[in-house]
Amino acid sequence: MAIDTERALYAPVKALLERQGYTVKGEVGAADVVARRGDEPVVIVELKLRFSLSLFHQAVAR
């Protein structure tokens, strides 16, 4: 199964995090996925299909 849009990545990422006990929300502010589990630090996921230099700069800025 080929995933060709960032939107298509959401369901499998959400399912993975939920199996690990996280409560998952999509599109929170600038983040694509935000996950919480108890008192642990929040997990923030930016969904991307490819790695690029601009993506790296975006990650460093956040």
PDB file of N, CA and C in Angstrom:
ATOM      1  N   MET A   1       0.843  -1.182   0.000  1.00  0.00           N
ATOM      2  CA  MET A   1       0.000   0.000   0.000  1.00  0.00           C
ATOM      3  C   MET A   1       0.883   1.238   0.000  1.00  0.00           C
ATOM      4  N   ALA A   2       0.834   2.013  -1.050  1.00  0.00           N
ATOM      5  CA  ALA A   2       1.620   3.237  -1.144  1.00  0.00           C
ATOM      6  C   ALA A   2       0.859   4.383  -0.485  1.00  0.00           C
ATOM      7  N   ILE A   3       1.584   5.170   0.268  1.00  0.00           N
ATOM      8  CA  ILE A   3       0.994   6.353   0.900  1.00  0.00           C
ATOM      9  C   ILE A   3       1.492   7.556   0.122  1.00  0.00           C
ATOM     10  N   ASP A   4       0.570   8.287  -0.494  1.00  0.00           N
ATOM     11  CA  ASP A   4       0.982   9.372  -1.374  1.00  0.00           C
ATOM     12  C   ASP A   4       0.603  10.764  -0.879  1.00  0.00           C
ATOM     13  N   THR A   5      -0.036  10.865   0.283  1.00  0.00           N
ATOM     14  CA  THR A   5      -0.341  12.177   0.856  1.00  0.00           C
ATOM     15  C   THR A   5      -0.046  12.155   2.353  1.00  0.00           C
ATOM     16  N   GLU A   6       0.276  13.324   2.882  1.00  0.00           N
ATOM     17  CA  GLU A   6       0.508  13.416   4.328  1.00  0.00           C
ATOM     18  C   GLU A   6      -0.754  13.045   5.095  1.00  0.00           C
ATOM     19  N   ARG A   7      -1.905  13.388   4.561  1.00  0.00           N
ATOM     20  CA  ARG A   7      -3.180  13.063   5.213  1.00  0.00           C
ATOM     21  C   ARG A   7      -3.327  11.551   5.390  1.00  0.00           C
ATOM     22  N   ALA A   8      -2.848  10.784   4.413  1.00  0.00           N
ATOM     23  CA  ALA A   8      -2.934   9.323   4.490  1.00  0.00           C
ATOM     24  C   ALA A   8      -2.023   8.748   5.571  1.00  0.00           C
ATOM     25  N   LEU A   9      -1.030   9.504   6.006  1.00  0.00           N
ATOM     26  CA  LEU A   9      -0.132   9.050   7.074  1.00  0.00           C
ATOM     27  C   LEU A   9      -0.798   9.112   8.448  1.00  0.00           C
ATOM     28  N   TYR A  10      -1.791   9.967   8.603  1.00  0.00           N
ATOM     29  CA  TYR A  10      -2.375  10.206   9.925  1.00  0.00           C
ATOM     30  C   TYR A  10      -2.931   8.941  10.572  1.00  0.00           C
ATOM     31  N   ALA A  11      -3.755   8.189   9.862  1.00  0.00           N
ATOM     32  CA  ALA A  11      -4.407   7.011  10.460  1.00  0.00           C
ATOM     33  C   ALA A  11      -3.404   5.980  10.977  1.00  0.00           C
ATOM     34  N   PRO A  12      -2.382   5.586  10.200  1.00  0.00           N
ATOM     35  CA  PRO A  12      -1.444   4.603  10.749  1.00  0.00           C
ATOM     36  C   PRO A  12      -0.605   5.140  11.904  1.00  0.00           C
ATOM     37  N   VAL A  13      -0.243   6.417  11.864  1.00  0.00           N
ATOM     38  CA  VAL A  13       0.527   7.005  12.971  1.00  0.00           C
ATOM     39  C   VAL A  13      -0.345   7.075  14.218  1.00  0.00           C
ATOM     40  N   LYS A  14      -1.600   7.491  14.055  1.00  0.00           N
ATOM     41  CA  LYS A  14      -2.537   7.549  15.182  1.00  0.00           C
ATOM     42  C   LYS A  14      -2.723   6.162  15.788  1.00  0.00           C
ATOM     43  N   ALA A  15      -2.919   5.157  14.945  1.00  0.00           N
ATOM     44  CA  ALA A  15      -3.117   3.788  15.434  1.00  0.00           C
ATOM     45  C   ALA A  15      -1.892   3.294  16.204  1.00  0.00           C
ATOM     46  N   LEU A  16      -0.705   3.570  15.702  1.00  0.00           N
ATOM     47  CA  LEU A  16       0.527   3.165  16.382  1.00  0.00           C
ATOM     48  C   LEU A  16       0.612   3.785  17.771  1.00  0.00           C
ATOM     49  N   LEU A  17       0.369   5.084  17.855  1.00  0.00           N
ATOM     50  CA  LEU A  17       0.451   5.771  19.146  1.00  0.00           C
ATOM     51  C   LEU A  17      -0.636   5.289  20.103  1.00  0.00           C
ATOM     52  N   GLU A  18      -1.841   5.073  19.604  1.00  0.00           N
ATOM     53  CA  GLU A  18      -2.921   4.584  20.466  1.00  0.00           C
ATOM     54  C   GLU A  18      -2.613   3.189  21.008  1.00  0.00           C
ATOM     55  N   ARG A  19      -1.997   2.333  20.195  1.00  0.00           N
ATOM     56  CA  ARG A  19      -1.607   1.000  20.682  1.00  0.00           C
ATOM     57  C   ARG A  19      -0.584   1.097  21.808  1.00  0.00           C
ATOM     58  N   GLN A  20       0.152   2.196  21.839  1.00  0.00           N
ATOM     59  CA  GLN A  20       1.156   2.411  22.884  1.00  0.00           C
ATOM     60  C   GLN A  20       0.577   3.164  24.081  1.00  0.00           C
ATOM     61  N   GLY A  21      -0.742   3.388  24.074  1.00  0.00           N
ATOM     62  CA  GLY A  21      -1.403   3.989  25.221  1.00  0.00           C
ATOM     63  C   GLY A  21      -1.555   5.493  25.193  1.00  0.00           C
ATOM     64  N   TYR A  22      -1.312   6.114  24.046  1.00  0.00           N
ATOM     65  CA  TYR A  22      -1.431   7.566  23.933  1.00  0.00           C
ATOM     66  C   TYR A  22      -2.853   7.970  23.560  1.00  0.00           C
ATOM     67  N   THR A  23      -3.249   9.161  23.994  1.00  0.00           N
ATOM     68  CA  THR A  23      -4.440   9.833  23.497  1.00  0.00           C
ATOM     69  C   THR A  23      -3.953  10.739  22.380  1.00  0.00           C
ATOM     70  N   VAL A  24      -4.548  10.634  21.200  1.00  0.00           N
ATOM     71  CA  VAL A  24      -4.014  11.296  20.008  1.00  0.00           C
ATOM     72  C   VAL A  24      -5.011  12.303  19.456  1.00  0.00           C
ATOM     73  N   LYS A  25      -4.501  13.478  19.103  1.00  0.00           N
ATOM     74  CA  LYS A  25      -5.296  14.526  18.454  1.00  0.00           C
ATOM     75  C   LYS A  25      -4.575  14.945  17.180  1.00  0.00           C
ATOM     76  N   GLY A  26      -5.334  15.272  16.137  1.00  0.00           N
ATOM     77  CA  GLY A  26      -4.753  15.715  14.880  1.00  0.00           C
ATOM     78  C   GLY A  26      -4.923  17.198  14.666  1.00  0.00           C
ATOM     79  N   GLU A  27      -3.980  17.788  13.926  1.00  0.00           N
ATOM     80  CA  GLU A  27      -4.037  19.207  13.555  1.00  0.00           C
ATOM     81  C   GLU A  27      -4.260  20.108  14.765  1.00  0.00           C
ATOM     82  N   VAL A  28      -3.297  20.108  15.660  1.00  0.00           N
ATOM     83  CA  VAL A  28      -3.340  20.970  16.844  1.00  0.00           C
ATOM     84  C   VAL A  28      -2.334  22.090  16.623  1.00  0.00           C
ATOM     85  N   GLY A  29      -2.836  23.302  16.394  1.00  0.00           N
ATOM     86  CA  GLY A  29      -1.933  24.413  16.101  1.00  0.00           C
ATOM     87  C   GLY A  29      -1.133  24.111  14.843  1.00  0.00           C
ATOM     88  N   ALA A  30       0.190  24.237  14.950  1.00  0.00           N
ATOM     89  CA  ALA A  30       1.066  23.976  13.804  1.00  0.00           C
ATOM     90  C   ALA A  30       1.462  22.510  13.703  1.00  0.00           C
ATOM     91  N   ALA A  31       1.079  21.692  14.674  1.00  0.00           N
ATOM     92  CA  ALA A  31       1.473  20.275  14.686  1.00  0.00           C
ATOM     93  C   ALA A  31       0.432  19.414  13.975  1.00  0.00           C
ATOM     94  N   ASP A  32       0.907  18.412  13.250  1.00  0.00           N
ATOM     95  CA  ASP A  32      -0.008  17.487  12.579  1.00  0.00           C
ATOM     96  C   ASP A  32      -0.621  16.491  13.556  1.00  0.00           C
ATOM     97  N   VAL A  33       0.179  16.017  14.520  1.00  0.00           N
ATOM     98  CA  VAL A  33      -0.279  15.037  15.499  1.00  0.00           C
ATOM     99  C   VAL A  33       0.285  15.409  16.863  1.00  0.00           C
ATOM    100  N   VAL A  34      -0.568  15.387  17.879  1.00  0.00           N
ATOM    101  CA  VAL A  34      -0.134  15.594  19.264  1.00  0.00           C
ATOM    102  C   VAL A  34      -0.657  14.418  20.076  1.00  0.00           C
ATOM    103  N   ALA A  35       0.236  13.810  20.853  1.00  0.00           N
ATOM    104  CA  ALA A  35      -0.145  12.630  21.636  1.00  0.00           C
ATOM    105  C   ALA A  35       0.273  12.814  23.087  1.00  0.00           C
ATOM    106  N   ARG A  36      -0.598  12.368  24.000  1.00  0.00           N
ATOM    107  CA  ARG A  36      -0.329  12.442  25.444  1.00  0.00           C
ATOM    108  C   ARG A  36      -0.538  11.078  26.064  1.00  0.00           C
ATOM    109  N   ARG A  37       0.306  10.790  27.066  1.00  0.00           N
ATOM    110  CA  ARG A  37       0.157   9.551  27.834  1.00  0.00           C
ATOM    111  C   ARG A  37       0.516   9.884  29.278  1.00  0.00           C
ATOM    112  N   GLY A  38      -0.520   9.989  30.101  1.00  0.00           N
ATOM    113  CA  GLY A  38      -0.309  10.286  31.517  1.00  0.00           C
ATOM    114  C   GLY A  38       0.433  11.593  31.723  1.00  0.00           C
ATOM    115  N   ASP A  39       1.408  11.559  32.623  1.00  0.00           N
ATOM    116  CA  ASP A  39       2.191  12.753  32.943  1.00  0.00           C
ATOM    117  C   ASP A  39       3.471  12.859  32.118  1.00  0.00           C
ATOM    118  N   GLU A  40       3.620  12.014  31.110  1.00  0.00           N
ATOM    119  CA  GLU A  40       4.821  12.040  30.273  1.00  0.00           C
ATOM    120  C   GLU A  40       4.833  13.292  29.396  1.00  0.00           C
ATOM    121  N   PRO A  41       6.014  13.672  28.901  1.00  0.00           N
ATOM    122  CA  PRO A  41       6.066  14.804  27.962  1.00  0.00           C
ATOM    123  C   PRO A  41       5.197  14.530  26.729  1.00  0.00           C
ATOM    124  N   VAL A  42       4.657  15.576  26.172  1.00  0.00           N
ATOM    125  CA  VAL A  42       3.812  15.481  24.982  1.00  0.00           C
ATOM    126  C   VAL A  42       4.664  15.047  23.788  1.00  0.00           C
ATOM    127  N   VAL A  43       4.090  14.204  22.926  1.00  0.00           N
ATOM    128  CA  VAL A  43       4.742  13.797  21.684  1.00  0.00           C
ATOM    129  C   VAL A  43       4.105  14.597  20.553  1.00  0.00           C
ATOM    130  N   ILE A  44       4.932  15.284  19.772  1.00  0.00           N
ATOM    131  CA  ILE A  44       4.454  16.079  18.641  1.00  0.00           C
ATOM    132  C   ILE A  44       5.050  15.494  17.370  1.00  0.00           C
ATOM    133  N   VAL A  45       4.181  15.234  16.385  1.00  0.00           N
ATOM    134  CA  VAL A  45       4.622  14.617  15.133  1.00  0.00           C
ATOM    135  C   VAL A  45       4.257  15.532  13.970  1.00  0.00           C
ATOM    136  N   GLU A  46       5.215  15.786  13.105  1.00  0.00           N
ATOM    137  CA  GLU A  46       4.991  16.510  11.854  1.00  0.00           C
ATOM    138  C   GLU A  46       5.014  15.466  10.740  1.00  0.00           C
ATOM    139  N   LEU A  47       3.908  15.283  10.058  1.00  0.00           N
ATOM    140  CA  LEU A  47       3.816  14.260   9.014  1.00  0.00           C
ATOM    141  C   LEU A  47       4.415  14.783   7.710  1.00  0.00           C
ATOM    142  N   LYS A  48       5.362  14.037   7.168  1.00  0.00           N
ATOM    143  CA  LYS A  48       5.999  14.390   5.897  1.00  0.00           C
ATOM    144  C   LYS A  48       6.235  13.125   5.090  1.00  0.00           C
ATOM    145  N   LEU A  49       6.161  13.244   3.787  1.00  0.00           N
ATOM    146  CA  LEU A  49       6.396  12.111   2.899  1.00  0.00           C
ATOM    147  C   LEU A  49       7.869  11.954   2.551  1.00  0.00           C
ATOM    148  N   ARG A  50       8.609  13.056   2.545  1.00  0.00           N
ATOM    149  CA  ARG A  50      10.015  13.036   2.147  1.00  0.00           C
ATOM    150  C   ARG A  50      10.839  13.916   3.075  1.00  0.00           C
ATOM    151  N   PHE A  51      12.111  13.583   3.181  1.00  0.00           N
ATOM    152  CA  PHE A  51      13.037  14.410   3.950  1.00  0.00           C
ATOM    153  C   PHE A  51      13.652  15.441   3.013  1.00  0.00           C
ATOM    154  N   SER A  52      13.783  16.679   3.500  1.00  0.00           N
ATOM    155  CA  SER A  52      14.409  17.736   2.705  1.00  0.00           C
ATOM    156  C   SER A  52      15.135  18.689   3.645  1.00  0.00           C
ATOM    157  N   LEU A  53      15.958  19.538   3.082  1.00  0.00           N
ATOM    158  CA  LEU A  53      16.675  20.520   3.884  1.00  0.00           C
ATOM    159  C   LEU A  53      15.696  21.488   4.546  1.00  0.00           C
ATOM    160  N   SER A  54      14.650  21.887   3.833  1.00  0.00           N
ATOM    161  CA  SER A  54      13.668  22.797   4.432  1.00  0.00           C
ATOM    162  C   SER A  54      12.937  22.125   5.596  1.00  0.00           C
ATOM    163  N   LEU A  55      12.690  20.823   5.494  1.00  0.00           N
ATOM    164  CA  LEU A  55      12.081  20.087   6.605  1.00  0.00           C
ATOM    165  C   LEU A  55      13.007  20.091   7.813  1.00  0.00           C
ATOM    166  N   PHE A  56      14.291  19.874   7.583  1.00  0.00           N
ATOM    167  CA  PHE A  56      15.275  19.906   8.657  1.00  0.00           C
ATOM    168  C   PHE A  56      15.270  21.276   9.341  1.00  0.00           C
ATOM    169  N   HIS A  57      15.256  22.336   8.566  1.00  0.00           N
ATOM    170  CA  HIS A  57      15.230  23.692   9.134  1.00  0.00           C
ATOM    171  C   HIS A  57      13.949  23.926   9.931  1.00  0.00           C
ATOM    172  N   GLN A  58      12.833  23.399   9.448  1.00  0.00           N
ATOM    173  CA  GLN A  58      11.565  23.522  10.170  1.00  0.00           C
ATOM    174  C   GLN A  58      11.667  22.829  11.524  1.00  0.00           C
ATOM    175  N   ALA A  59      12.264  21.647  11.556  1.00  0.00           N
ATOM    176  CA  ALA A  59      12.407  20.904  12.815  1.00  0.00           C
ATOM    177  C   ALA A  59      13.308  21.645  13.790  1.00  0.00           C
ATOM    178  N   VAL A  60      14.393  22.209  13.309  1.00  0.00           N
ATOM    179  CA  VAL A  60      15.319  22.945  14.173  1.00  0.00           C
ATOM    180  C   VAL A  60      14.635  24.184  14.753  1.00  0.00           C
ATOM    181  N   ALA A  61      13.819  24.850  13.946  1.00  0.00           N
ATOM    182  CA  ALA A  61      13.138  26.066  14.397  1.00  0.00           C
ATOM    183  C   ALA A  61      12.106  25.777  15.476  1.00  0.00           C
ATOM    184  N   ARG A  62      11.557  24.566  15.483  1.00  0.00           N
ATOM    185  CA  ARG A  62      10.526  24.233  16.463  1.00  0.00           C
ATOM    186  C   ARG A  62      11.153  23.606  17.669  1.00  0.00           C
TER     187      ARG A  62
END
